[in-house]
PDB file of all heavy atoms in Angstrom:
ATOM      1  N   ASP A   1      -5.102  12.974  49.259  1.00  0.00           N
ATOM      2  CA  ASP A   1      -4.850  12.454  50.609  1.00  0.00           C
ATOM      3  C   ASP A   1      -3.412  12.522  50.987  1.00  0.00           C
ATOM      4  O   ASP A   1      -2.522  11.944  50.213  1.00  0.00           O
ATOM      5  CB  ASP A   1      -5.473  10.976  50.718  1.00  0.00           C
ATOM      6  CG  ASP A   1      -6.943  11.034  50.589  1.00  0.00           C
ATOM      7  OD1 ASP A   1      -7.598  12.029  50.905  1.00  0.00           O
ATOM      8  OD2 ASP A   1      -7.535   9.997  50.270  1.00  0.00           O
ATOM      9  N   ASP A   2      -3.191  12.971  52.128  1.00  0.00           N
ATOM     10  CA  ASP A   2      -1.811  12.948  52.684  1.00  0.00           C
ATOM     11  C   ASP A   2      -1.796  12.303  54.046  1.00  0.00           C
ATOM     12  O   ASP A   2      -0.878  12.371  54.793  1.00  0.00           O
ATOM     13  CB  ASP A   2      -1.256  14.367  52.847  1.00  0.00           C
ATOM     14  CG  ASP A   2      -1.992  15.175  53.873  1.00  0.00           C
ATOM     15  OD1 ASP A   2      -3.228  14.864  54.163  1.00  0.00           O
ATOM     16  OD2 ASP A   2      -1.384  16.178  54.471  1.00  0.00           O
ATOM     17  N   GLY A   3      -2.904  11.437  54.364  1.00  0.00           N
ATOM     18  CA  GLY A   3      -2.977  10.836  55.607  1.00  0.00           C
ATOM     19  C   GLY A   3      -3.869  11.545  56.626  1.00  0.00           C
ATOM     20  O   GLY A   3      -4.343  11.070  57.602  1.00  0.00           O
ATOM     21  N   ASP A   4      -4.244  12.868  56.201  1.00  0.00           N
ATOM     22  CA  ASP A   4      -5.071  13.635  57.053  1.00  0.00           C
ATOM     23  C   ASP A   4      -6.098  14.292  56.169  1.00  0.00           C
ATOM     24  O   ASP A   4      -5.728  15.261  55.413  1.00  0.00           O
ATOM     25  CB  ASP A   4      -4.295  14.639  57.843  1.00  0.00           C
ATOM     26  CG  ASP A   4      -5.206  15.451  58.778  1.00  0.00           C
ATOM     27  OD1 ASP A   4      -6.416  15.348  58.704  1.00  0.00           O
ATOM     28  OD2 ASP A   4      -4.647  16.097  59.745  1.00  0.00           O
ATOM     29  N   THR A   5      -7.381  13.788  56.059  1.00  0.00           N
ATOM     30  CA  THR A   5      -8.320  14.332  55.176  1.00  0.00           C
ATOM     31  C   THR A   5      -8.706  15.736  55.443  1.00  0.00           C
ATOM     32  O   THR A   5      -9.288  16.337  54.493  1.00  0.00           O
ATOM     33  CB  THR A   5      -9.635  13.467  55.184  1.00  0.00           C
ATOM     34  OG1 THR A   5     -10.108  13.411  56.473  1.00  0.00           O
ATOM     35  CG2 THR A   5      -9.261  11.988  54.697  1.00  0.00           C
ATOM     36  N   THR A   6      -8.460  16.287  56.654  1.00  0.00           N
ATOM     37  CA  THR A   6      -8.732  17.619  56.948  1.00  0.00           C
ATOM     38  C   THR A   6      -8.074  18.640  55.989  1.00  0.00           C
ATOM     39  O   THR A   6      -8.608  19.634  55.608  1.00  0.00           O
ATOM     40  CB  THR A   6      -8.307  18.005  58.365  1.00  0.00           C
ATOM     41  OG1 THR A   6      -8.921  17.042  59.198  1.00  0.00           O
ATOM     42  CG2 THR A   6      -8.741  19.421  58.730  1.00  0.00           C
ATOM     43  N   TYR A   7      -6.809  18.342  55.580  1.00  0.00           N
ATOM     44  CA  TYR A   7      -5.964  19.240  54.817  1.00  0.00           C
ATOM     45  C   TYR A   7      -5.743  18.743  53.242  1.00  0.00           C
ATOM     46  O   TYR A   7      -4.905  19.117  52.739  1.00  0.00           O
ATOM     47  CB  TYR A   7      -4.674  19.424  55.497  1.00  0.00           C
ATOM     48  CG  TYR A   7      -4.787  19.973  56.778  1.00  0.00           C
ATOM     49  CD1 TYR A   7      -4.577  19.234  57.958  1.00  0.00           C
ATOM     50  CD2 TYR A   7      -5.050  21.378  56.961  1.00  0.00           C
ATOM     51  CE1 TYR A   7      -4.589  19.799  59.235  1.00  0.00           C
ATOM     52  CE2 TYR A   7      -5.205  21.870  58.292  1.00  0.00           C
ATOM     53  CZ  TYR A   7      -4.942  21.096  59.388  1.00  0.00           C
ATOM     54  OH  TYR A   7      -5.041  21.520  60.637  1.00  0.00           O
ATOM     55  N   ARG A   8      -6.684  17.909  52.861  1.00  0.00           N
ATOM     56  CA  ARG A   8      -6.557  17.298  51.569  1.00  0.00           C
ATOM     57  C   ARG A   8      -6.441  18.308  50.444  1.00  0.00           C
ATOM     58  O   ARG A   8      -5.866  18.043  49.436  1.00  0.00           O
ATOM     59  CB  ARG A   8      -7.509  16.094  51.318  1.00  0.00           C
ATOM     60  CG  ARG A   8      -9.011  16.551  51.144  1.00  0.00           C
ATOM     61  CD  ARG A   8      -9.970  15.452  51.279  1.00  0.00           C
ATOM     62  NE  ARG A   8      -9.551  14.251  50.515  1.00  0.00           N
ATOM     63  CZ  ARG A   8     -10.031  14.071  49.241  1.00  0.00           C
ATOM     64  NH1 ARG A   8     -10.908  14.925  48.698  1.00  0.00           N
ATOM     65  NH2 ARG A   8      -9.640  12.978  48.489  1.00  0.00           N
ATOM     66  N   TYR A   9      -7.260  19.311  50.529  1.00  0.00           N
ATOM     67  CA  TYR A   9      -7.290  20.333  49.448  1.00  0.00           C
ATOM     68  C   TYR A   9      -6.101  21.216  49.484  1.00  0.00           C
ATOM     69  O   TYR A   9      -5.502  21.494  48.391  1.00  0.00           O
ATOM     70  CB  TYR A   9      -8.624  21.177  49.602  1.00  0.00           C
ATOM     71  CG  TYR A   9      -9.831  20.300  49.554  1.00  0.00           C
ATOM     72  CD1 TYR A   9     -10.524  20.072  50.725  1.00  0.00           C
ATOM     73  CD2 TYR A   9     -10.216  19.635  48.389  1.00  0.00           C
ATOM     74  CE1 TYR A   9     -11.670  19.191  50.679  1.00  0.00           C
ATOM     75  CE2 TYR A   9     -11.446  18.730  48.405  1.00  0.00           C
ATOM     76  CZ  TYR A   9     -12.052  18.560  49.574  1.00  0.00           C
ATOM     77  OH  TYR A   9     -13.123  17.831  49.550  1.00  0.00           O
ATOM     78  N   SER A  10      -5.726  21.775  50.627  1.00  0.00           N
ATOM     79  CA  SER A  10      -4.558  22.591  50.670  1.00  0.00           C
ATOM     80  C   SER A  10      -3.198  21.787  50.470  1.00  0.00           C
ATOM     81  O   SER A  10      -2.395  22.298  49.770  1.00  0.00           O
ATOM     82  CB  SER A  10      -4.462  23.186  52.048  1.00  0.00           C
ATOM     83  OG  SER A  10      -4.383  22.321  53.183  1.00  0.00           O
ATOM     84  N   PHE A  11      -3.269  20.514  50.814  1.00  0.00           N
ATOM     85  CA  PHE A  11      -2.077  19.553  50.510  1.00  0.00           C
ATOM     86  C   PHE A  11      -2.000  19.489  49.086  1.00  0.00           C
ATOM     87  O   PHE A  11      -0.919  19.596  48.461  1.00  0.00           O
ATOM     88  CB  PHE A  11      -2.265  18.289  51.210  1.00  0.00           C
ATOM     89  CG  PHE A  11      -1.108  17.393  50.872  1.00  0.00           C
ATOM     90  CD1 PHE A  11       0.199  17.445  51.390  1.00  0.00           C
ATOM     91  CD2 PHE A  11      -1.422  16.279  49.949  1.00  0.00           C
ATOM     92  CE1 PHE A  11       1.182  16.630  50.913  1.00  0.00           C
ATOM     93  CE2 PHE A  11      -0.491  15.441  49.571  1.00  0.00           C
ATOM     94  CZ  PHE A  11       0.906  15.584  50.042  1.00  0.00           C
ATOM     95  N   ALA A  12      -3.111  19.224  48.405  1.00  0.00           N
ATOM     96  CA  ALA A  12      -3.097  19.007  46.925  1.00  0.00           C
ATOM     97  C   ALA A  12      -2.671  20.305  46.219  1.00  0.00           C
ATOM     98  O   ALA A  12      -1.786  20.167  45.215  1.00  0.00           O
ATOM     99  CB  ALA A  12      -4.526  18.673  46.480  1.00  0.00           C
ATOM    100  N   LEU A  13      -3.016  21.333  46.660  1.00  0.00           N
ATOM    101  CA  LEU A  13      -2.604  22.697  46.044  1.00  0.00           C
ATOM    102  C   LEU A  13      -1.047  22.858  46.280  1.00  0.00           C
ATOM    103  O   LEU A  13      -0.283  23.113  45.207  1.00  0.00           O
ATOM    104  CB  LEU A  13      -3.280  23.836  46.628  1.00  0.00           C
ATOM    105  CG  LEU A  13      -2.844  25.258  46.299  1.00  0.00           C
ATOM    106  CD1 LEU A  13      -3.007  25.411  44.693  1.00  0.00           C
ATOM    107  CD2 LEU A  13      -3.576  26.364  47.064  1.00  0.00           C
ATOM    108  N   SER A  14      -0.545  22.631  47.434  1.00  0.00           N
ATOM    109  CA  SER A  14       0.850  22.820  47.659  1.00  0.00           C
ATOM    110  C   SER A  14       1.656  21.712  46.890  1.00  0.00           C
ATOM    111  O   SER A  14       2.685  22.014  46.285  1.00  0.00           O
ATOM    112  CB  SER A  14       1.204  22.660  49.253  1.00  0.00           C
ATOM    113  OG  SER A  14       0.442  23.592  49.868  1.00  0.00           O
ATOM    114  N   PHE A  15       1.253  20.436  47.022  1.00  0.00           N
ATOM    115  CA  PHE A  15       1.958  19.407  46.401  1.00  0.00           C
ATOM    116  C   PHE A  15       1.998  19.567  44.860  1.00  0.00           C
ATOM    117  O   PHE A  15       3.066  19.392  44.152  1.00  0.00           O
ATOM    118  CB  PHE A  15       1.267  18.038  46.691  1.00  0.00           C
ATOM    119  CG  PHE A  15       2.053  16.795  46.188  1.00  0.00           C
ATOM    120  CD1 PHE A  15       3.095  16.429  46.882  1.00  0.00           C
ATOM    121  CD2 PHE A  15       1.599  16.073  45.033  1.00  0.00           C
ATOM    122  CE1 PHE A  15       3.902  15.311  46.497  1.00  0.00           C
ATOM    123  CE2 PHE A  15       2.308  15.114  44.644  1.00  0.00           C
ATOM    124  CZ  PHE A  15       3.378  14.658  45.266  1.00  0.00           C
ATOM    125  N   ALA A  16       0.892  19.976  44.265  1.00  0.00           N
ATOM    126  CA  ALA A  16       0.740  20.194  42.820  1.00  0.00           C
ATOM    127  C   ALA A  16       1.736  21.395  42.338  1.00  0.00           C
ATOM    128  O   ALA A  16       2.324  21.296  41.351  1.00  0.00           O
ATOM    129  CB  ALA A  16      -0.622  20.299  42.355  1.00  0.00           C
ATOM    130  N   ALA A  17       1.659  22.395  43.140  1.00  0.00           N
ATOM    131  CA  ALA A  17       2.393  23.601  42.857  1.00  0.00           C
ATOM    132  C   ALA A  17       3.889  23.324  42.848  1.00  0.00           C
ATOM    133  O   ALA A  17       4.582  23.696  41.897  1.00  0.00           O
ATOM    134  CB  ALA A  17       2.043  24.660  43.661  1.00  0.00           C
ATOM    135  N   ILE A  18       4.275  22.576  43.844  1.00  0.00           N
ATOM    136  CA  ILE A  18       5.879  22.405  44.048  1.00  0.00           C
ATOM    137  C   ILE A  18       6.259  21.447  42.864  1.00  0.00           C
ATOM    138  O   ILE A  18       7.242  21.595  42.203  1.00  0.00           O
ATOM    139  CB  ILE A  18       6.007  21.688  45.375  1.00  0.00           C
ATOM    140  CG1 ILE A  18       5.980  22.834  46.334  1.00  0.00           C
ATOM    141  CG2 ILE A  18       7.421  21.071  45.442  1.00  0.00           C
ATOM    142  CD1 ILE A  18       5.998  22.258  47.881  1.00  0.00           C
ATOM    143  N   ASN A  19       5.388  20.419  42.557  1.00  0.00           N
ATOM    144  CA  ASN A  19       5.745  19.518  41.540  1.00  0.00           C
ATOM    145  C   ASN A  19       5.571  20.049  40.073  1.00  0.00           C
ATOM    146  O   ASN A  19       6.350  19.626  39.158  1.00  0.00           O
ATOM    147  CB  ASN A  19       4.899  18.266  41.620  1.00  0.00           C
ATOM    148  CG  ASN A  19       5.569  17.304  42.686  1.00  0.00           C
ATOM    149  OD1 ASN A  19       6.596  16.557  42.551  1.00  0.00           O
ATOM    150  ND2 ASN A  19       4.941  17.276  43.847  1.00  0.00           N
ATOM    151  N   LEU A  20       4.734  21.016  39.876  1.00  0.00           N
ATOM    152  CA  LEU A  20       4.747  21.745  38.622  1.00  0.00           C
ATOM    153  C   LEU A  20       5.981  22.574  38.403  1.00  0.00           C
ATOM    154  O   LEU A  20       6.614  22.549  37.276  1.00  0.00           O
ATOM    155  CB  LEU A  20       3.507  22.636  38.549  1.00  0.00           C
ATOM    156  CG  LEU A  20       3.356  23.416  37.281  1.00  0.00           C
ATOM    157  CD1 LEU A  20       3.258  22.569  36.034  1.00  0.00           C
ATOM    158  CD2 LEU A  20       2.110  24.416  37.289  1.00  0.00           C
ATOM    159  N   VAL A  21       6.495  23.116  39.516  1.00  0.00           N
ATOM    160  CA  VAL A  21       7.753  23.977  39.306  1.00  0.00           C
ATOM    161  C   VAL A  21       8.899  22.916  39.002  1.00  0.00           C
ATOM    162  O   VAL A  21       9.770  23.062  38.187  1.00  0.00           O
ATOM    163  CB  VAL A  21       8.082  24.695  40.613  1.00  0.00           C
ATOM    164  CG1 VAL A  21       9.449  25.265  40.572  1.00  0.00           C
ATOM    165  CG2 VAL A  21       7.015  25.821  40.766  1.00  0.00           C
ATOM    166  N   TYR A  22       8.940  21.800  39.881  1.00  0.00           N
ATOM    167  CA  TYR A  22       9.932  20.812  39.601  1.00  0.00           C
ATOM    168  C   TYR A  22       9.974  20.237  38.305  1.00  0.00           C
ATOM    169  O   TYR A  22      11.038  20.114  37.572  1.00  0.00           O
ATOM    170  CB  TYR A  22       9.731  19.707  40.696  1.00  0.00           C
ATOM    171  CG  TYR A  22      10.464  18.404  40.204  1.00  0.00           C
ATOM    172  CD1 TYR A  22      11.842  18.216  40.267  1.00  0.00           C
ATOM    173  CD2 TYR A  22       9.804  17.388  39.648  1.00  0.00           C
ATOM    174  CE1 TYR A  22      12.454  17.137  39.943  1.00  0.00           C
ATOM    175  CE2 TYR A  22      10.405  16.205  39.149  1.00  0.00           C
ATOM    176  CZ  TYR A  22      11.780  16.112  39.367  1.00  0.00           C
ATOM    177  OH  TYR A  22      12.424  14.989  38.894  1.00  0.00           O
ATOM    178  N   ALA A  23       8.781  19.863  37.803  1.00  0.00           N
ATOM    179  CA  ALA A  23       8.652  19.210  36.471  1.00  0.00           C
ATOM    180  C   ALA A  23       9.001  20.252  35.424  1.00  0.00           C
ATOM    181  O   ALA A  23       9.649  19.754  34.384  1.00  0.00           O
ATOM    182  CB  ALA A  23       7.239  18.703  36.274  1.00  0.00           C
ATOM    183  N   THR A  24       8.715  21.435  35.537  1.00  0.00           N
ATOM    184  CA  THR A  24       9.087  22.414  34.554  1.00  0.00           C
ATOM    185  C   THR A  24      10.662  22.630  34.509  1.00  0.00           C
ATOM    186  O   THR A  24      11.202  22.785  33.481  1.00  0.00           O
ATOM    187  CB  THR A  24       8.397  23.759  34.774  1.00  0.00           C
ATOM    188  OG1 THR A  24       6.897  23.586  34.769  1.00  0.00           O
ATOM    189  CG2 THR A  24       8.670  24.799  33.612  1.00  0.00           C
ATOM    190  N   MET A  25      11.214  22.617  35.632  1.00  0.00           N
ATOM    191  CA  MET A  25      12.670  22.657  35.755  1.00  0.00           C
ATOM    192  C   MET A  25      13.257  21.507  35.063  1.00  0.00           C
ATOM    193  O   MET A  25      14.413  21.733  34.328  1.00  0.00           O
ATOM    194  CB  MET A  25      13.082  22.723  37.110  1.00  0.00           C
ATOM    195  CG  MET A  25      12.824  24.044  37.887  1.00  0.00           C
ATOM    196  SD  MET A  25      13.057  23.934  39.717  1.00  0.00           S
ATOM    197  CE  MET A  25      14.746  23.339  39.844  1.00  0.00           C
ATOM    198  N   GLU A  26      12.721  20.336  35.219  1.00  0.00           N
ATOM    199  CA  GLU A  26      13.329  19.179  34.475  1.00  0.00           C
ATOM    200  C   GLU A  26      13.143  19.160  32.945  1.00  0.00           C
ATOM    201  O   GLU A  26      14.004  18.979  32.178  1.00  0.00           O
ATOM    202  CB  GLU A  26      12.642  17.990  35.071  1.00  0.00           C
ATOM    203  CG  GLU A  26      13.298  16.691  34.595  1.00  0.00           C
ATOM    204  CD  GLU A  26      12.793  15.348  35.118  1.00  0.00           C
ATOM    205  OE1 GLU A  26      12.320  15.382  36.362  1.00  0.00           O
ATOM    206  OE2 GLU A  26      12.752  14.292  34.382  1.00  0.00           O
ATOM    207  N   GLU A  27      11.896  19.673  32.557  1.00  0.00           N
ATOM    208  CA  GLU A  27      11.507  19.684  31.193  1.00  0.00           C
ATOM    209  C   GLU A  27      12.164  20.718  30.435  1.00  0.00           C
ATOM    210  O   GLU A  27      12.312  20.683  29.116  1.00  0.00           O
ATOM    211  CB  GLU A  27      10.053  19.822  30.989  1.00  0.00           C
ATOM    212  CG  GLU A  27       9.289  18.619  31.510  1.00  0.00           C
ATOM    213  CD  GLU A  27       9.618  17.355  30.838  1.00  0.00           C
ATOM    214  OE1 GLU A  27      10.184  17.387  29.778  1.00  0.00           O
ATOM    215  OE2 GLU A  27       9.335  16.229  31.406  1.00  0.00           O
ATOM    216  N   ILE A  28      12.675  21.889  30.976  1.00  0.00           N
ATOM    217  CA  ILE A  28      13.471  22.860  30.277  1.00  0.00           C
ATOM    218  C   ILE A  28      14.704  22.157  29.637  1.00  0.00           C
ATOM    219  O   ILE A  28      15.175  22.590  28.564  1.00  0.00           O
ATOM    220  CB  ILE A  28      13.872  24.042  31.127  1.00  0.00           C
ATOM    221  CG1 ILE A  28      14.361  25.145  30.194  1.00  0.00           C
ATOM    222  CG2 ILE A  28      14.874  23.703  32.138  1.00  0.00           C
ATOM    223  CD1 ILE A  28      14.686  26.450  30.982  1.00  0.00           C
ATOM    224  N   GLY A  29      15.218  21.181  30.260  1.00  0.00           N
ATOM    225  CA  GLY A  29      16.342  20.470  29.777  1.00  0.00           C
ATOM    226  C   GLY A  29      15.989  19.461  28.697  1.00  0.00           C
ATOM    227  O   GLY A  29      16.417  19.544  27.552  1.00  0.00           O
ATOM    228  N   TRP A  30      15.126  18.510  28.972  1.00  0.00           N
ATOM    229  CA  TRP A  30      14.701  17.365  28.066  1.00  0.00           C
ATOM    230  C   TRP A  30      13.973  18.024  26.817  1.00  0.00           C
ATOM    231  O   TRP A  30      14.294  17.544  25.760  1.00  0.00           O
ATOM    232  CB  TRP A  30      13.935  16.360  28.765  1.00  0.00           C
ATOM    233  CG  TRP A  30      14.698  15.739  29.914  1.00  0.00           C
ATOM    234  CD1 TRP A  30      14.346  15.727  31.194  1.00  0.00           C
ATOM    235  CD2 TRP A  30      15.952  14.987  29.882  1.00  0.00           C
ATOM    236  NE1 TRP A  30      15.369  15.193  32.057  1.00  0.00           N
ATOM    237  CE2 TRP A  30      16.302  14.666  31.169  1.00  0.00           C
ATOM    238  CE3 TRP A  30      16.860  14.736  28.829  1.00  0.00           C
ATOM    239  CZ2 TRP A  30      17.485  13.993  31.430  1.00  0.00           C
ATOM    240  CZ3 TRP A  30      18.016  13.977  29.106  1.00  0.00           C
ATOM    241  CH2 TRP A  30      18.308  13.652  30.418  1.00  0.00           C
ATOM    242  N   ARG A  31      13.065  18.800  27.056  1.00  0.00           N
ATOM    243  CA  ARG A  31      12.222  19.199  25.858  1.00  0.00           C
ATOM    244  C   ARG A  31      12.653  20.688  25.482  1.00  0.00           C
ATOM    245  O   ARG A  31      12.725  20.937  24.244  1.00  0.00           O
ATOM    246  CB  ARG A  31      10.760  19.385  26.378  1.00  0.00           C
ATOM    247  CG  ARG A  31       9.915  18.199  25.806  1.00  0.00           C
ATOM    248  CD  ARG A  31      10.433  16.746  26.006  1.00  0.00           C
ATOM    249  NE  ARG A  31      10.465  16.325  27.386  1.00  0.00           N
ATOM    250  CZ  ARG A  31      10.687  15.058  27.760  1.00  0.00           C
ATOM    251  NH1 ARG A  31      10.965  14.139  26.842  1.00  0.00           N
ATOM    252  NH2 ARG A  31      10.720  14.701  29.030  1.00  0.00           N
ATOM    253  N   GLY A  32      13.045  21.590  26.414  1.00  0.00           N
ATOM    254  CA  GLY A  32      13.404  22.849  25.966  1.00  0.00           C
ATOM    255  C   GLY A  32      14.727  22.977  25.373  1.00  0.00           C
ATOM    256  O   GLY A  32      15.038  23.806  24.542  1.00  0.00           O
ATOM    257  N   TYR A  33      15.714  22.036  25.636  1.00  0.00           N
ATOM    258  CA  TYR A  33      16.986  22.007  24.899  1.00  0.00           C
ATOM    259  C   TYR A  33      17.166  20.772  24.055  1.00  0.00           C
ATOM    260  O   TYR A  33      17.319  20.920  22.787  1.00  0.00           O
ATOM    261  CB  TYR A  33      18.129  22.115  25.881  1.00  0.00           C
ATOM    262  CG  TYR A  33      19.488  22.096  25.186  1.00  0.00           C
ATOM    263  CD1 TYR A  33      19.898  23.065  24.322  1.00  0.00           C
ATOM    264  CD2 TYR A  33      20.226  20.848  25.267  1.00  0.00           C
ATOM    265  CE1 TYR A  33      21.107  22.916  23.594  1.00  0.00           C
ATOM    266  CE2 TYR A  33      21.409  20.743  24.585  1.00  0.00           C
ATOM    267  CZ  TYR A  33      21.817  21.818  23.753  1.00  0.00           C
ATOM    268  OH  TYR A  33      23.025  21.636  23.032  1.00  0.00           O
ATOM    269  N   VAL A  34      17.188  19.546  24.659  1.00  0.00           N
ATOM    270  CA  VAL A  34      17.525  18.345  23.899  1.00  0.00           C
ATOM    271  C   VAL A  34      16.641  18.024  22.705  1.00  0.00           C
ATOM    272  O   VAL A  34      17.065  17.684  21.658  1.00  0.00           O
ATOM    273  CB  VAL A  34      17.616  17.155  24.892  1.00  0.00           C
ATOM    274  CG1 VAL A  34      18.017  15.914  24.138  1.00  0.00           C
ATOM    275  CG2 VAL A  34      18.549  17.450  26.033  1.00  0.00           C
ATOM    276  N   GLN A  35      15.309  18.231  22.915  1.00  0.00           N
ATOM    277  CA  GLN A  35      14.362  17.925  21.799  1.00  0.00           C
ATOM    278  C   GLN A  35      14.683  18.789  20.537  1.00  0.00           C
ATOM    279  O   GLN A  35      14.521  18.268  19.452  1.00  0.00           O
ATOM    280  CB  GLN A  35      13.020  18.035  22.296  1.00  0.00           C
ATOM    281  CG  GLN A  35      11.969  17.474  21.329  1.00  0.00           C
ATOM    282  CD  GLN A  35      10.517  17.206  21.981  1.00  0.00           C
ATOM    283  OE1 GLN A  35      10.456  16.621  23.017  1.00  0.00           O
ATOM    284  NE2 GLN A  35       9.412  17.553  21.250  1.00  0.00           N
ATOM    285  N   ASP A  36      14.926  20.041  20.850  1.00  0.00           N
ATOM    286  CA  ASP A  36      15.371  20.858  19.692  1.00  0.00           C
ATOM    287  C   ASP A  36      16.812  20.574  19.170  1.00  0.00           C
ATOM    288  O   ASP A  36      17.073  20.573  18.010  1.00  0.00           O
ATOM    289  CB  ASP A  36      15.319  22.342  20.082  1.00  0.00           C
ATOM    290  CG  ASP A  36      13.909  22.950  19.758  1.00  0.00           C
ATOM    291  OD1 ASP A  36      13.142  22.457  18.910  1.00  0.00           O
ATOM    292  OD2 ASP A  36      13.659  24.003  20.324  1.00  0.00           O
ATOM    293  N   ALA A  37      17.652  20.275  20.060  1.00  0.00           N
ATOM    294  CA  ALA A  37      19.109  19.964  19.648  1.00  0.00           C
ATOM    295  C   ALA A  37      19.097  18.710  18.842  1.00  0.00           C
ATOM    296  O   ALA A  37      20.018  18.715  17.954  1.00  0.00           O
ATOM    297  CB  ALA A  37      19.921  19.866  21.011  1.00  0.00           C
ATOM    298  N   LEU A  38      18.293  17.794  18.990  1.00  0.00           N
ATOM    299  CA  LEU A  38      18.296  16.538  18.276  1.00  0.00           C
ATOM    300  C   LEU A  38      17.322  16.538  17.084  1.00  0.00           C
ATOM    301  O   LEU A  38      17.077  15.424  16.577  1.00  0.00           O
ATOM    302  CB  LEU A  38      18.037  15.411  19.197  1.00  0.00           C
ATOM    303  CG  LEU A  38      19.026  15.065  20.273  1.00  0.00           C
ATOM    304  CD1 LEU A  38      18.576  13.875  21.149  1.00  0.00           C
ATOM    305  CD2 LEU A  38      20.439  14.870  19.802  1.00  0.00           C
ATOM    306  N   ARG A  39      16.751  17.749  16.848  1.00  0.00           N
ATOM    307  CA  ARG A  39      15.742  17.767  15.746  1.00  0.00           C
ATOM    308  C   ARG A  39      16.121  17.232  14.424  1.00  0.00           C
ATOM    309  O   ARG A  39      15.337  16.665  13.687  1.00  0.00           O
ATOM    310  CB  ARG A  39      15.160  19.116  15.650  1.00  0.00           C
ATOM    311  CG  ARG A  39      13.901  19.316  14.767  1.00  0.00           C
ATOM    312  CD  ARG A  39      13.272  20.575  15.011  1.00  0.00           C
ATOM    313  NE  ARG A  39      12.795  20.781  16.332  1.00  0.00           N
ATOM    314  CZ  ARG A  39      11.709  20.337  16.822  1.00  0.00           C
ATOM    315  NH1 ARG A  39      10.858  19.630  16.033  1.00  0.00           N
ATOM    316  NH2 ARG A  39      11.339  20.590  18.074  1.00  0.00           N
ATOM    317  N   PRO A  40      17.455  17.343  13.966  1.00  0.00           N
ATOM    318  CA  PRO A  40      17.766  16.745  12.669  1.00  0.00           C
ATOM    319  C   PRO A  40      17.537  15.235  12.515  1.00  0.00           C
ATOM    320  O   PRO A  40      17.527  14.705  11.475  1.00  0.00           O
ATOM    321  CB  PRO A  40      19.190  17.115  12.557  1.00  0.00           C
ATOM    322  CG  PRO A  40      19.292  18.424  13.310  1.00  0.00           C
ATOM    323  CD  PRO A  40      18.474  18.234  14.441  1.00  0.00           C
TER     324      PRO A  40
END
């Protein structure tokens, strides 16, 4: 829901896609680099 149930499915697709990109950008640092860098 984004306040308008008419677009709840297209909103979910757009919101999820954007946040998947955002989250992956963030995780390339924390998990993609730091988690390996601190492995010892």
